[in-house]
Amino acid sequence: NNTRLADLASITYNQNAEYIPMWGVLKSNFNFAAGERTDIGSIDLLRAMAKVEVNFAESFPSDYEIGTITISPYNTQGYCLPAGYTSVDATGELDREEAGTAHSFNPLDSPSTNTSQSSIEFKGENKNYYIYLPEYDNSTKPAKIQVTVNGETYDLEFKDYENGAPKDGTQYDIVRNHIYRYTITGVNDGKLIIKYKAMPWELVTSEIGYAPQPMTTNPFSNEDD
């Protein structure tokens, strides 16, 4: 009923939770029969968080010292369910971008600037760093990544890059089930040389029915390499 749907829509999670909430749906007509197993197939699952990566290419000078990598601001909480979840019959029908009749973008306004930890540090090592974030609307106070190399701090923006510099007017929101990948290839004239890529994250598939082997609970088993 509508009350239960409203309750689902209000479920939230914290950025520092040690899990990634997922949602999926599949509407199907089938009949139950005593003593028989019913298999409706599989349900694709949409992650409630985005993944942001900062990678240093093999061409990056080995004698450069990589310091901290942080992002600010970011949302400290997110909604578990996407927008438009009631309007589709299967997960794959949901538009994972910001626009459309069944769009998924559903940020919870909970900026880190209202807390004692306005920035958060990336995890990782060996030139590969990452963080998982709730959705964030970049239209008002855009999130920026700060990368420290040889004691100098550089800003990375959620924009398309051309010749290593961010282009005007191409601000990307941080959208659930997307990967935002920065590859730093070198330093030129005191500036980082950057390649940037934003892309949908592969959906996770959950089999419905009897499972002869333990099912994985790893939300990253199908992630893009």
Protein backbone atom coordinates (compact mmCIF):
# COMPACT_ATOMS: atom_id res chain seq x y z
CA ASN A 1 0.00 0.00 0.00
CA ASN A 2 1.00 3.66 -0.18
CA THR A 3 2.11 3.77 3.45
CA ARG A 4 4.57 0.94 2.92
CA LEU A 5 5.90 2.56 -0.25
CA ALA A 6 6.43 5.81 1.62
CA ASP A 7 8.29 3.96 4.36
CA LEU A 8 10.60 2.36 1.80
CA ALA A 9 11.36 5.72 0.21
CA SER A 10 12.52 7.15 3.54
CA ILE A 11 15.13 4.47 4.32
CA THR A 12 18.61 6.01 4.50
CA TYR A 13 22.20 4.91 5.12
CA ASN A 14 25.41 6.60 6.27
CA GLN A 15 28.44 7.17 4.06
CA ASN A 16 30.71 5.40 6.54
CA ALA A 17 28.60 2.23 6.63
CA GLU A 18 30.58 -0.92 5.87
CA TYR A 19 28.18 -1.99 3.13
CA ILE A 20 26.53 -0.68 -0.02
CA PRO A 21 22.72 -0.79 -0.06
CA MET A 22 21.21 -2.23 -3.23
CA TRP A 23 17.77 -2.20 -4.79
CA GLY A 24 16.20 -4.21 -7.58
CA VAL A 25 12.78 -5.14 -8.91
CA LEU A 26 11.25 -7.67 -11.27
CA LYS A 27 7.50 -7.91 -11.78
CA SER A 28 6.42 -11.32 -13.01
CA ASN A 29 3.25 -13.44 -13.25
CA PHE A 30 3.62 -17.00 -11.99
CA ASN A 31 1.68 -19.69 -10.15
CA PHE A 32 2.64 -21.49 -6.97
CA ALA A 33 2.16 -25.25 -6.93
CA ALA A 34 2.62 -27.49 -3.92
CA GLY A 35 5.91 -29.35 -4.00
CA GLU A 36 7.23 -27.48 -7.04
CA ARG A 37 10.01 -24.91 -7.25
CA THR A 38 9.23 -21.67 -9.04
CA ASP A 39 12.09 -19.81 -10.69
CA ILE A 40 11.38 -16.28 -11.89
CA GLY A 41 14.91 -15.72 -13.15
CA SER A 42 17.26 -13.05 -11.88
CA ILE A 43 16.92 -9.54 -10.52
CA ASP A 44 19.45 -6.86 -11.40
CA LEU A 45 20.53 -4.78 -8.42
CA LEU A 46 21.38 -1.09 -8.44
CA ARG A 47 23.97 0.15 -5.92
CA ALA A 48 22.92 3.16 -3.84
CA MET A 49 26.45 4.61 -3.89
CA ALA A 50 28.88 5.87 -6.51
CA LYS A 51 32.55 4.94 -6.74
CA VAL A 52 35.20 7.61 -7.32
CA GLU A 53 38.69 6.53 -8.37
CA VAL A 54 41.96 8.41 -8.62
CA ASN A 55 44.61 6.34 -10.37
CA PHE A 56 48.19 7.19 -11.30
CA ALA A 57 49.24 5.76 -14.66
CA GLU A 58 52.42 3.75 -15.17
CA SER A 59 53.81 6.81 -16.96
CA PHE A 60 53.54 8.90 -13.78
CA PRO A 61 57.04 9.73 -12.50
CA SER A 62 58.08 7.18 -9.88
CA ASP A 63 60.12 9.74 -7.93
CA TYR A 64 57.04 11.89 -7.22
CA GLU A 65 55.60 11.52 -3.73
CA ILE A 66 51.83 10.95 -3.63
CA GLY A 67 50.30 12.46 -0.50
CA THR A 68 46.72 12.55 0.74
CA ILE A 69 43.68 12.51 -1.55
CA THR A 70 40.46 13.97 -0.15
CA ILE A 71 37.03 15.14 -1.32
CA SER A 72 34.85 17.97 -0.03
CA PRO A 73 31.99 18.59 0.26
CA TYR A 74 30.07 15.32 0.05
CA ASN A 75 26.78 14.01 1.40
CA THR A 76 27.13 12.06 4.64
CA GLN A 77 23.90 10.12 3.99
CA GLY A 78 21.94 8.74 1.08
CA TYR A 79 18.59 7.21 0.23
CA CYS A 80 18.68 3.44 -0.23
CA LEU A 81 16.10 3.52 -3.03
CA PRO A 82 16.43 5.45 -6.29
CA ALA A 83 13.90 7.94 -7.53
CA GLY A 84 11.41 6.39 -9.95
CA TYR A 85 11.53 2.98 -8.28
CA THR A 86 7.74 2.64 -8.32
CA SER A 87 7.42 3.33 -12.05
CA VAL A 88 9.36 0.40 -13.55
CA ASP A 89 8.79 -3.35 -13.85
CA ALA A 90 12.48 -4.27 -14.00
CA THR A 91 15.63 -2.64 -12.65
CA GLY A 92 17.14 -2.19 -16.12
CA GLU A 93 14.24 0.05 -17.16
CA LEU A 94 15.36 2.70 -14.71
CA ASP A 95 17.28 5.59 -16.23
CA ARG A 96 20.43 5.92 -14.11
CA GLU A 97 21.11 9.47 -15.22
CA GLU A 98 19.62 12.66 -13.79
CA ALA A 99 16.84 13.12 -16.34
CA GLY A 100 13.97 11.04 -17.71
CA THR A 101 10.54 9.87 -16.65
CA ALA A 102 12.03 7.09 -14.51
CA HIS A 103 15.27 8.69 -13.35
CA SER A 104 17.27 7.26 -10.46
CA PHE A 105 19.01 10.40 -9.13
CA ASN A 106 17.76 10.83 -5.55
CA PRO A 107 20.31 12.68 -3.38
CA LEU A 108 19.73 13.27 0.32
CA ASP A 109 20.84 16.78 1.27
CA SER A 110 23.27 16.06 4.11
CA PRO A 111 26.41 18.08 3.31
CA SER A 112 29.63 17.30 5.13
CA THR A 113 30.15 21.04 5.66
CA ASN A 114 27.55 20.78 8.44
CA THR A 115 29.71 18.27 10.32
CA SER A 116 33.13 18.22 12.00
CA GLN A 117 34.53 16.21 9.08
CA SER A 118 34.02 18.43 6.05
CA SER A 119 36.42 16.37 3.91
CA ILE A 120 37.07 12.65 3.71
CA GLU A 121 40.18 10.77 2.63
CA PHE A 122 40.37 8.19 -0.17
CA LYS A 123 41.50 4.62 0.51
CA GLY A 124 44.01 2.66 -1.51
CA GLU A 125 47.70 2.23 -2.29
CA ASN A 126 50.14 1.53 -5.11
CA LYS A 127 48.88 4.46 -7.20
CA ASN A 128 45.22 3.36 -7.05
CA TYR A 129 42.82 5.17 -4.73
CA TYR A 130 39.06 5.07 -4.32
CA ILE A 131 36.07 6.09 -2.23
CA TYR A 132 32.37 5.18 -2.15
CA LEU A 133 29.94 8.08 -1.83
CA PRO A 134 26.21 8.76 -1.56
CA GLU A 135 24.70 10.78 -4.40
CA TYR A 136 25.51 14.48 -4.47
CA ASP A 137 24.03 17.43 -6.37
CA ASN A 138 26.95 19.38 -7.81
CA SER A 139 24.86 22.29 -9.10
CA THR A 140 25.24 24.58 -6.06
CA LYS A 141 28.38 23.78 -4.04
CA PRO A 142 30.38 21.46 -6.31
CA ALA A 143 32.44 18.70 -4.76
CA LYS A 144 36.17 18.87 -5.43
CA ILE A 145 38.90 16.28 -5.01
CA GLN A 146 42.22 17.50 -3.65
CA VAL A 147 45.33 15.53 -4.59
CA THR A 148 48.67 16.24 -2.94
CA VAL A 149 51.79 15.46 -4.99
CA ASN A 150 55.29 16.49 -3.84
CA GLY A 151 53.70 18.74 -1.24
CA GLU A 152 51.60 20.64 -3.81
CA THR A 153 47.81 20.33 -3.73
CA TYR A 154 45.77 20.12 -6.94
CA ASP A 155 41.99 20.30 -7.41
CA LEU A 156 40.07 17.77 -9.50
CA GLU A 157 36.52 18.63 -10.57
CA PHE A 158 33.59 16.51 -11.73
CA LYS A 159 33.85 17.84 -15.27
CA ASP A 160 35.00 16.74 -18.68
CA TYR A 161 38.71 17.38 -19.17
CA GLU A 162 40.40 18.67 -22.29
CA ASN A 163 44.19 18.86 -22.56
CA GLY A 164 44.37 18.13 -18.85
CA ALA A 165 42.09 21.02 -17.81
CA PRO A 166 38.40 20.97 -16.77
CA LYS A 167 35.96 22.29 -19.37
CA ASP A 168 33.37 24.92 -18.46
CA GLY A 169 29.73 23.97 -18.23
CA THR A 170 30.16 20.22 -17.91
CA GLN A 171 29.60 19.71 -14.19
CA TYR A 172 28.55 16.12 -13.36
CA ASP A 173 26.42 15.20 -10.37
CA ILE A 174 27.56 12.22 -8.32
CA VAL A 175 24.95 9.61 -9.30
CA ARG A 176 24.34 6.21 -7.73
CA ASN A 177 25.75 3.14 -9.49
CA HIS A 178 28.26 5.20 -11.48
CA ILE A 179 32.05 5.19 -11.52
CA TYR A 180 33.98 8.46 -11.81
CA ARG A 181 37.54 7.63 -12.83
CA TYR A 182 40.46 10.03 -12.89
CA THR A 183 43.75 8.85 -14.36
CA ILE A 184 46.74 11.08 -13.69
CA THR A 185 49.42 10.50 -16.30
CA GLY A 186 52.03 13.08 -15.34
CA VAL A 187 52.86 16.66 -14.42
CA ASN A 188 53.44 19.42 -16.95
CA ASP A 189 54.16 23.08 -16.25
CA GLY A 190 53.10 22.68 -12.63
CA LYS A 191 49.77 21.06 -13.57
CA LEU A 192 48.58 17.48 -13.38
CA ILE A 193 47.84 15.81 -16.71
CA ILE A 194 44.45 14.16 -16.25
CA LYS A 195 42.14 11.80 -18.08
CA TYR A 196 38.56 11.65 -16.77
CA LYS A 197 35.80 9.13 -17.38
CA ALA A 198 32.26 8.91 -15.96
CA MET A 199 30.32 5.73 -16.68
CA PRO A 200 27.50 3.52 -15.40
CA TRP A 201 28.62 0.81 -12.99
CA GLU A 202 27.69 -2.72 -14.08
CA LEU A 203 24.52 -3.98 -12.41
CA VAL A 204 24.87 -6.81 -9.89
CA THR A 205 22.78 -9.90 -10.70
CA SER A 206 20.99 -11.80 -7.97
CA GLU A 207 19.59 -15.24 -8.78
CA ILE A 208 16.14 -15.93 -7.38
CA GLY A 209 15.40 -19.50 -6.37
CA TYR A 210 17.32 -22.42 -4.89
CA ALA A 211 21.07 -21.81 -4.74
CA PRO A 212 23.18 -25.01 -4.45
CA GLN A 213 26.25 -22.94 -3.49
CA PRO A 214 26.41 -20.06 -0.99
CA MET A 215 25.52 -16.84 -2.78
CA THR A 216 28.01 -14.01 -2.75
CA THR A 217 27.33 -10.99 -0.59
CA ASN A 218 30.15 -9.06 -2.25
CA PRO A 219 28.59 -5.98 -3.92
CA PHE A 220 31.71 -5.45 -6.04
CA SER A 221 31.80 -8.89 -7.70
CA ASN A 222 30.61 -7.49 -11.05
CA GLU A 223 32.22 -4.07 -10.90
CA ASP A 224 34.00 -2.52 -13.83
CA ASP A 225 37.75 -3.22 -13.80
